[in-house]
Amino acid sequence: MTTEALEVEELLILARQKSDQARSQLFEVMGDIFLERGTVLSLQERALMVDILEKLIQEVSREIRRKLALKLAEAPGTPRELAVMLANDDIDIASPILLKCKVLEDLDLVEIIRNRSVQHMLAIAMRRDLSTTVADALVENGSNDVIRSLLENPDAQIGRATMAYLVEQSKAVDEFQEPLARRHDLPKDLAVRMCFWVSAALRNYILEKFDIGADDLDDTLEPMTIEHAATIAAEKREQSAADDLARQLGEQRKLTPRLLIQTLRRGEVPLFEAMMAEMCDLRANLIRRICYEPGAEGLAVAARAIGLSREEFATIYLLTRKARQGTSAADPGDLGRALVFFDRVAHSNAETVLSRWRRDPSYLFAIKTIEESQGRQRA
């Protein structure tokens, strides 16, 4: 009897058994066969094996899946279907595939970025030879930690438009500045632009790296400085107009949750902030902290206090994440946690906290107070 015949017979025996041990053995044997003969299997045979492995993968132990992932990560000829399956598993199983497996295509990686965890994105950000397509997806969907890991990956290809966006973001996100400045593919004009806001040490590094003299820097920065000052003045005028309109709408009792959401959807962020400040009777700078802080506890309390529904809060949460990060998606886990907090906050307690914020800008203590109050109520 041939080796192939023995393997078929072994598979049939294992398939008839229902024990966990038999399932694990079947998974391992099929994984080995797929790895060794994947290139010579017919399309029908590959489809059948993928279907069986997909059914088995949740029935076998994590250790078995992890061992297979480690084996396949750097093996030549790893079947793409099996690699994709393992890359979508829990992060301890997926990480070697995400970091090293070359058969994963850009489409596979982008789908994982959009649908899996931050840890999956971090692993992808550290891959070698990362394409601009995947880099763009990481910037669009990733947290600051993910983006920093991408910037620190010298093998990642980052397109000019995305690099320009990250340079602008580095005004507010200090942790982007150094890895951006140290990238070999940072264009000179974008590096010079960063001299506006980086530390003296990093500015000197940029000047030395690009061999820029003081006179050349002044010649470059002068028109940019004038443009920047004009932009700030225009923003102040826009904010002043937004404050006036929000005040008028408040006096006319026309401020509603629906109007808040419509304004934010149109991208009129200064007007949304002014309207939110008017509805909460809070200072504009405090409202901006509340709206864009990580975790959104402050936003949940404000939303409860002014009578927003759960759905309205979720919509505003997602839209404010987009406005702050310039991305089209928020982490589903973050939204879930924000909604859990929103559900726990009673309207009366939220009003009490809002009253405190009107007197005291340091509102984090108030959030702690409300959580302690809820704990006593449940006790």
Protein backbone atom coordinates (compact mmCIF):
# COMPACT_ATOMS: atom_id res chain seq x y z
CA MET A 1 0.00 0.00 0.00
CA THR A 2 1.40 3.46 -0.91
CA THR A 3 2.12 6.26 1.57
CA GLU A 4 -0.69 8.32 0.02
CA ALA A 5 -3.14 5.44 0.49
CA LEU A 6 -2.10 5.09 4.12
CA GLU A 7 -2.71 8.79 4.69
CA VAL A 8 -6.17 8.57 3.15
CA GLU A 9 -6.98 5.57 5.32
CA GLU A 10 -5.66 7.39 8.41
CA LEU A 11 -7.80 10.43 7.59
CA LEU A 12 -10.89 8.28 7.22
CA ILE A 13 -10.29 6.61 10.59
CA LEU A 14 -9.73 9.95 12.32
CA ALA A 15 -12.76 11.51 10.63
CA ARG A 16 -15.01 8.74 12.05
CA GLN A 17 -13.86 9.43 15.60
CA LYS A 18 -15.51 12.17 17.63
CA SER A 19 -12.94 12.68 20.41
CA ASP A 20 -11.02 15.95 20.83
CA GLN A 21 -7.76 14.07 20.40
CA ALA A 22 -8.89 12.62 17.08
CA ARG A 23 -10.06 16.04 15.89
CA SER A 24 -6.68 17.53 16.77
CA GLN A 25 -4.82 14.72 14.99
CA LEU A 26 -7.03 15.14 11.93
CA PHE A 27 -6.35 18.89 11.88
CA GLU A 28 -2.58 18.36 12.19
CA VAL A 29 -2.45 15.67 9.51
CA MET A 30 -4.52 17.71 7.06
CA GLY A 31 -2.43 20.79 7.77
CA ASP A 32 0.74 18.83 6.98
CA ILE A 33 -0.75 17.39 3.78
CA PHE A 34 -1.88 20.85 2.70
CA LEU A 35 1.59 22.24 3.37
CA GLU A 36 3.47 19.44 1.63
CA ARG A 37 1.21 18.96 -1.39
CA GLY A 38 -0.75 22.18 -1.66
CA THR A 39 0.77 23.01 -5.02
CA VAL A 40 -0.36 19.74 -6.65
CA LEU A 41 -3.87 19.55 -5.25
CA SER A 42 -6.72 20.19 -7.68
CA LEU A 43 -9.05 23.15 -7.10
CA GLN A 44 -11.76 20.78 -5.90
CA GLU A 45 -9.38 19.05 -3.46
CA ARG A 46 -8.14 22.40 -2.10
CA ALA A 47 -11.70 23.66 -1.64
CA LEU A 48 -12.67 20.46 0.19
CA MET A 49 -9.65 20.60 2.51
CA VAL A 50 -10.19 24.29 3.28
CA ASP A 51 -13.82 23.55 4.13
CA ILE A 52 -12.85 20.73 6.49
CA LEU A 53 -10.10 22.76 8.15
CA GLU A 54 -12.47 25.71 8.68
CA LYS A 55 -14.90 23.37 10.44
CA LEU A 56 -12.14 21.87 12.58
CA ILE A 57 -10.23 25.02 13.51
CA GLN A 58 -12.53 26.01 16.38
CA GLU A 59 -12.62 22.45 17.73
CA VAL A 60 -8.89 21.96 18.18
CA SER A 61 -6.78 23.37 20.99
CA ARG A 62 -5.06 26.75 20.82
CA GLU A 63 -1.71 25.00 21.18
CA ILE A 64 -2.29 22.92 18.06
CA ARG A 65 -3.29 26.02 16.06
CA ARG A 66 -0.32 27.96 17.40
CA LYS A 67 2.12 25.18 16.47
CA LEU A 68 0.73 25.09 12.94
CA ALA A 69 0.95 28.88 12.64
CA LEU A 70 4.60 28.83 13.72
CA LYS A 71 5.31 26.04 11.21
CA LEU A 72 3.59 27.84 8.34
CA ALA A 73 4.83 31.38 9.04
CA GLU A 74 8.12 31.02 7.16
CA ALA A 75 7.54 27.78 5.26
CA PRO A 76 7.89 28.00 1.46
CA GLY A 77 4.69 27.27 -0.40
CA THR A 78 2.34 27.90 2.53
CA PRO A 79 -1.26 27.63 1.22
CA ARG A 80 -2.83 31.09 1.22
CA GLU A 81 -6.23 29.80 2.37
CA LEU A 82 -4.72 28.25 5.49
CA ALA A 83 -2.59 31.33 6.19
CA VAL A 84 -5.67 33.62 5.99
CA MET A 85 -7.56 31.30 8.32
CA LEU A 86 -4.82 31.43 10.96
CA ALA A 87 -4.17 35.15 10.47
CA ASN A 88 -7.77 35.81 11.54
CA ASP A 89 -7.40 33.68 14.69
CA ASP A 90 -6.63 35.05 18.18
CA ILE A 91 -3.52 37.21 18.22
CA ASP A 92 -1.20 34.69 19.90
CA ILE A 93 -1.93 32.31 17.01
CA ALA A 94 -2.16 34.94 14.28
CA SER A 95 0.96 36.97 15.10
CA PRO A 96 3.64 34.75 13.46
CA ILE A 97 1.54 34.59 10.27
CA LEU A 98 0.88 38.34 10.28
CA LEU A 99 4.53 39.16 10.91
CA LYS A 100 6.25 36.77 8.51
CA CYS A 101 3.99 34.87 6.13
CA LYS A 102 4.58 36.12 2.58
CA VAL A 103 1.58 34.51 0.90
CA LEU A 104 -0.89 36.94 2.52
CA GLU A 105 -2.01 39.45 -0.08
CA ASP A 106 -2.78 43.13 0.45
CA LEU A 107 -6.50 42.40 0.27
CA ASP A 108 -6.17 39.82 3.09
CA LEU A 109 -4.24 42.25 5.29
CA VAL A 110 -6.65 45.15 4.69
CA GLU A 111 -9.62 42.95 5.65
CA ILE A 112 -7.86 41.92 8.87
CA ILE A 113 -7.07 45.57 9.65
CA ARG A 114 -10.72 46.51 9.25
CA ASN A 115 -12.20 43.59 11.17
CA ARG A 116 -9.74 42.35 13.78
CA SER A 117 -8.13 43.82 16.91
CA VAL A 118 -5.58 46.55 17.53
CA GLN A 119 -3.05 43.79 18.31
CA HIS A 120 -3.58 42.35 14.82
CA MET A 121 -2.93 45.81 13.36
CA LEU A 122 0.26 46.21 15.42
CA ALA A 123 1.58 42.90 14.10
CA ILE A 124 0.80 43.92 10.50
CA ALA A 125 2.48 47.31 11.04
CA MET A 126 5.76 45.47 11.77
CA ARG A 127 5.74 43.31 8.59
CA ARG A 128 8.60 43.66 6.16
CA ASP A 129 7.95 45.17 2.72
CA LEU A 130 4.59 46.64 3.69
CA SER A 131 2.85 48.18 0.67
CA THR A 132 1.36 51.69 0.48
CA THR A 133 -2.12 50.12 0.26
CA VAL A 134 -1.72 48.35 3.59
CA ALA A 135 0.00 51.37 5.16
CA ASP A 136 -2.95 53.57 4.16
CA ALA A 137 -5.39 51.11 5.74
CA LEU A 138 -3.37 51.13 8.99
CA VAL A 139 -3.41 54.93 9.12
CA GLU A 140 -7.12 55.03 8.31
CA ASN A 141 -8.14 52.48 10.95
CA GLY A 142 -5.31 52.34 13.46
CA SER A 143 -4.67 53.94 16.84
CA ASN A 144 -1.69 56.21 17.55
CA ASP A 145 0.29 53.16 18.74
CA VAL A 146 -0.37 51.38 15.44
CA ILE A 147 0.64 54.42 13.40
CA ARG A 148 3.81 54.89 15.42
CA SER A 149 4.75 51.24 14.85
CA LEU A 150 4.17 51.77 11.13
CA LEU A 151 6.41 54.86 11.13
CA GLU A 152 9.14 52.95 12.98
CA ASN A 153 9.09 50.17 10.36
CA PRO A 154 11.84 51.11 7.86
CA ASP A 155 10.54 48.56 5.33
CA ALA A 156 7.03 50.03 5.20
CA GLN A 157 6.18 51.98 2.07
CA ILE A 158 4.21 55.14 2.91
CA GLY A 159 2.77 57.22 0.08
CA ARG A 160 3.37 60.97 -0.25
CA ALA A 161 -0.24 61.93 0.59
CA THR A 162 -0.31 59.75 3.71
CA MET A 163 3.09 61.04 4.80
CA ALA A 164 1.85 64.64 4.42
CA TYR A 165 -1.24 63.80 6.48
CA LEU A 166 0.88 62.27 9.26
CA VAL A 167 3.19 65.29 9.27
CA GLU A 168 0.16 67.53 9.85
CA GLN A 169 -1.09 65.16 12.56
CA SER A 170 2.29 65.40 14.29
CA LYS A 171 1.40 68.97 15.32
CA ALA A 172 -0.97 67.48 17.90
CA VAL A 173 0.51 63.99 18.29
CA ASP A 174 4.04 64.42 19.65
CA GLU A 175 4.81 60.69 19.47
CA PHE A 176 4.71 60.83 15.63
CA GLN A 177 7.40 63.50 15.38
CA GLU A 178 10.61 61.58 16.00
CA PRO A 179 9.79 58.45 13.94
CA LEU A 180 8.64 60.72 11.09
CA ALA A 181 11.84 62.78 11.19
CA ARG A 182 13.98 59.64 11.16
CA ARG A 183 12.28 58.00 8.18
CA HIS A 184 14.54 57.69 5.16
CA ASP A 185 11.65 58.47 2.79
CA LEU A 186 10.41 61.67 4.46
CA PRO A 187 10.42 64.35 1.72
CA LYS A 188 12.56 67.40 2.45
CA ASP A 189 9.71 69.91 2.15
CA LEU A 190 7.61 68.00 4.70
CA ALA A 191 10.60 67.73 7.05
CA VAL A 192 11.09 71.50 6.85
CA ARG A 193 7.42 72.05 7.61
CA MET A 194 7.84 70.04 10.83
CA CYS A 195 10.39 72.60 12.02
CA PHE A 196 7.39 74.75 12.98
CA TRP A 197 6.42 72.59 15.92
CA VAL A 198 9.11 70.02 16.84
CA SER A 199 11.58 70.38 19.71
CA ALA A 200 14.88 72.20 19.25
CA ALA A 201 16.81 68.92 19.30
CA LEU A 202 14.63 67.35 16.61
CA ARG A 203 14.77 70.55 14.54
CA ASN A 204 18.57 70.42 14.62
CA TYR A 205 18.46 66.76 13.58
CA ILE A 206 16.25 67.66 10.57
CA LEU A 207 18.56 70.52 9.55
CA GLU A 208 21.62 68.25 9.72
CA LYS A 209 19.91 65.31 8.00
CA PHE A 210 18.81 67.41 5.01
CA ASP A 211 21.83 69.76 5.10
CA ILE A 212 19.63 72.84 5.48
CA GLY A 213 21.30 76.14 6.42
CA ALA A 214 19.72 78.77 8.65
CA ASP A 215 19.15 81.18 5.74
CA ASP A 216 17.57 78.43 3.61
CA LEU A 217 15.31 77.53 6.51
CA ASP A 218 14.17 81.16 6.94
CA ASP A 219 13.52 81.48 3.19
CA THR A 220 11.37 78.34 3.30
CA LEU A 221 9.56 79.10 6.54
CA GLU A 222 8.71 82.76 5.89
CA PRO A 223 5.84 82.17 3.42
CA MET A 224 4.68 79.15 5.40
CA THR A 225 4.61 81.22 8.61
CA ILE A 226 2.52 83.92 6.96
CA GLU A 227 0.15 81.27 5.59
CA HIS A 228 -0.07 79.59 9.00
CA ALA A 229 -0.89 82.89 10.74
CA ALA A 230 -3.62 83.60 8.17
CA THR A 231 -5.09 80.13 8.77
CA ILE A 232 -5.19 80.70 12.54
CA ALA A 233 -6.92 84.06 12.03
CA ALA A 234 -9.50 82.45 9.71
CA GLU A 235 -10.15 79.68 12.25
CA LYS A 236 -10.72 82.26 14.98
CA ARG A 237 -13.21 84.12 12.77
CA GLU A 238 -14.98 80.82 11.96
CA GLN A 239 -15.16 79.91 15.65
CA SER A 240 -16.52 83.35 16.55
CA ALA A 241 -19.24 83.05 13.90
CA ALA A 242 -20.05 79.53 15.11
CA ASP A 243 -20.37 80.78 18.71
CA ASP A 244 -22.75 83.55 17.64
CA LEU A 245 -24.94 81.16 15.61
CA ALA A 246 -25.06 78.59 18.41
CA ARG A 247 -26.08 81.28 20.88
CA GLN A 248 -28.89 82.45 18.58
CA LEU A 249 -30.14 78.88 18.04
CA GLY A 250 -30.11 78.33 21.80
CA GLU A 251 -32.13 81.46 22.46
CA GLN A 252 -34.64 80.36 19.81
CA ARG A 253 -34.79 76.83 21.34
CA LYS A 254 -33.78 75.27 18.03
CA LEU A 255 -30.83 73.24 19.31
CA THR A 256 -31.70 69.54 19.01
CA PRO A 257 -29.76 66.24 18.94
CA ARG A 258 -30.73 65.84 15.28
CA LEU A 259 -29.23 69.25 14.42
CA LEU A 260 -26.05 68.34 16.34
CA ILE A 261 -25.63 65.16 14.31
CA GLN A 262 -26.47 66.81 10.98
CA THR A 263 -23.90 69.54 11.66
CA LEU A 264 -21.21 67.00 12.53
CA ARG A 265 -22.02 64.87 9.47
CA ARG A 266 -21.48 67.93 7.25
CA GLY A 267 -18.03 68.34 8.76
CA GLU A 268 -18.87 71.66 10.44
CA VAL A 269 -16.83 70.80 13.53
CA PRO A 270 -16.47 74.33 15.02
CA LEU A 271 -20.25 74.83 14.81
CA PHE A 272 -20.89 71.42 16.39
CA GLU A 273 -18.53 72.27 19.26
CA ALA A 274 -20.22 75.65 19.76
CA MET A 275 -23.69 74.07 19.75
CA MET A 276 -22.60 71.36 22.19
CA ALA A 277 -21.09 74.02 24.47
CA GLU A 278 -24.36 76.00 24.34
CA MET A 279 -26.51 72.94 25.11
CA CYS A 280 -24.28 71.92 28.04
CA ASP A 281 -23.60 75.51 29.18
CA LEU A 282 -19.87 74.78 29.26
CA ARG A 283 -16.77 76.57 27.99
CA ALA A 284 -15.68 75.72 24.45
CA ASN A 285 -12.20 74.48 25.45
CA LEU A 286 -13.75 72.11 28.00
CA ILE A 287 -16.24 70.81 25.42
CA ARG A 288 -13.39 70.04 23.04
CA ARG A 289 -11.64 68.02 25.76
CA ILE A 290 -14.86 66.17 26.52
CA CYS A 291 -15.66 65.41 22.88
CA TYR A 292 -12.27 64.05 21.85
CA GLU A 293 -10.76 62.50 24.97
CA PRO A 294 -9.84 58.78 24.73
CA GLY A 295 -12.53 56.57 26.23
CA ALA A 296 -15.37 59.11 25.78
CA GLU A 297 -16.54 58.94 29.41
CA GLY A 298 -16.94 62.73 29.49
CA LEU A 299 -18.91 62.72 26.26
CA ALA A 300 -21.19 59.98 27.63
CA VAL A 301 -21.90 62.01 30.77
CA ALA A 302 -22.62 65.19 28.76
CA ALA A 303 -24.87 63.26 26.38
CA ARG A 304 -26.84 61.77 29.28
CA ALA A 305 -27.18 65.16 30.94
CA ILE A 306 -28.68 66.89 27.87
CA GLY A 307 -31.01 63.97 27.14
CA LEU A 308 -29.39 62.28 24.13
CA SER A 309 -30.57 58.75 23.37
CA ARG A 310 -28.20 55.77 23.23
CA GLU A 311 -28.30 55.77 19.40
CA GLU A 312 -27.64 59.53 19.23
CA PHE A 313 -24.68 59.19 21.60
CA ALA A 314 -23.23 56.31 19.53
CA THR A 315 -23.53 58.36 16.32
CA ILE A 316 -21.87 61.42 17.86
CA TYR A 317 -19.15 59.23 19.37
CA LEU A 318 -18.28 57.74 15.95
CA LEU A 319 -18.40 61.09 14.17
CA THR A 320 -16.20 62.81 16.76
CA ARG A 321 -13.62 59.99 16.48
CA LYS A 322 -13.57 60.60 12.74
CA ALA A 323 -13.25 64.37 13.21
CA ARG A 324 -10.38 63.96 15.68
CA GLN A 325 -8.43 61.23 13.89
CA GLY A 326 -9.31 61.95 10.28
CA THR A 327 -10.32 58.30 9.89
CA SER A 328 -13.45 56.58 8.68
CA ALA A 329 -13.70 53.93 11.39
CA ALA A 330 -13.48 53.60 15.16
CA ASP A 331 -12.44 50.49 17.02
CA PRO A 332 -15.64 48.46 17.69
CA GLY A 333 -14.30 47.54 21.12
CA ASP A 334 -13.93 51.22 22.07
CA LEU A 335 -17.51 51.92 20.99
CA GLY A 336 -18.75 48.96 23.02
CA ARG A 337 -16.98 50.21 26.15
CA ALA A 338 -18.31 53.74 25.64
CA LEU A 339 -21.87 52.40 25.34
CA VAL A 340 -21.48 50.30 28.49
CA PHE A 341 -20.43 53.44 30.38
CA PHE A 342 -23.32 55.43 28.86
CA ASP A 343 -25.81 52.76 29.96
CA ARG A 344 -24.49 52.88 33.53
CA VAL A 345 -24.86 56.65 33.91
CA ALA A 346 -28.18 57.83 35.33
CA HIS A 347 -29.59 61.09 33.96
CA SER A 348 -29.78 62.71 37.41
CA ASN A 349 -26.16 61.82 38.20
CA ALA A 350 -25.04 63.16 34.82
CA GLU A 351 -26.77 66.49 35.51
CA THR A 352 -24.97 66.68 38.86
CA VAL A 353 -21.61 66.10 37.18
CA LEU A 354 -22.38 68.71 34.50
CA SER A 355 -23.12 71.26 37.23
CA ARG A 356 -19.73 70.53 38.76
CA TRP A 357 -17.99 70.95 35.40
CA ARG A 358 -19.52 74.42 35.08
CA ARG A 359 -17.68 75.39 38.26
CA ASP A 360 -14.55 73.25 37.89
CA PRO A 361 -12.76 72.51 34.58
CA SER A 362 -10.99 69.53 36.20
CA TYR A 363 -13.86 67.19 35.50
CA LEU A 364 -12.09 63.84 35.78
CA PHE A 365 -12.71 63.83 39.52
CA ALA A 366 -16.41 64.25 38.81
CA ILE A 367 -16.40 61.18 36.59
CA LYS A 368 -14.76 59.25 39.42
CA THR A 369 -17.46 60.55 41.77
CA ILE A 370 -20.29 59.32 39.56
CA GLU A 371 -18.69 55.88 39.21
CA GLU A 372 -18.33 55.64 43.02
CA SER A 373 -21.96 56.77 43.41
CA GLN A 374 -23.14 54.01 41.07
CA GLY A 375 -21.04 51.50 42.99
CA ARG A 376 -22.76 52.47 46.26
CA GLN A 377 -26.20 52.24 44.61
CA ARG A 378 -25.49 48.68 43.41
CA ALA A 379 -24.08 47.64 46.81
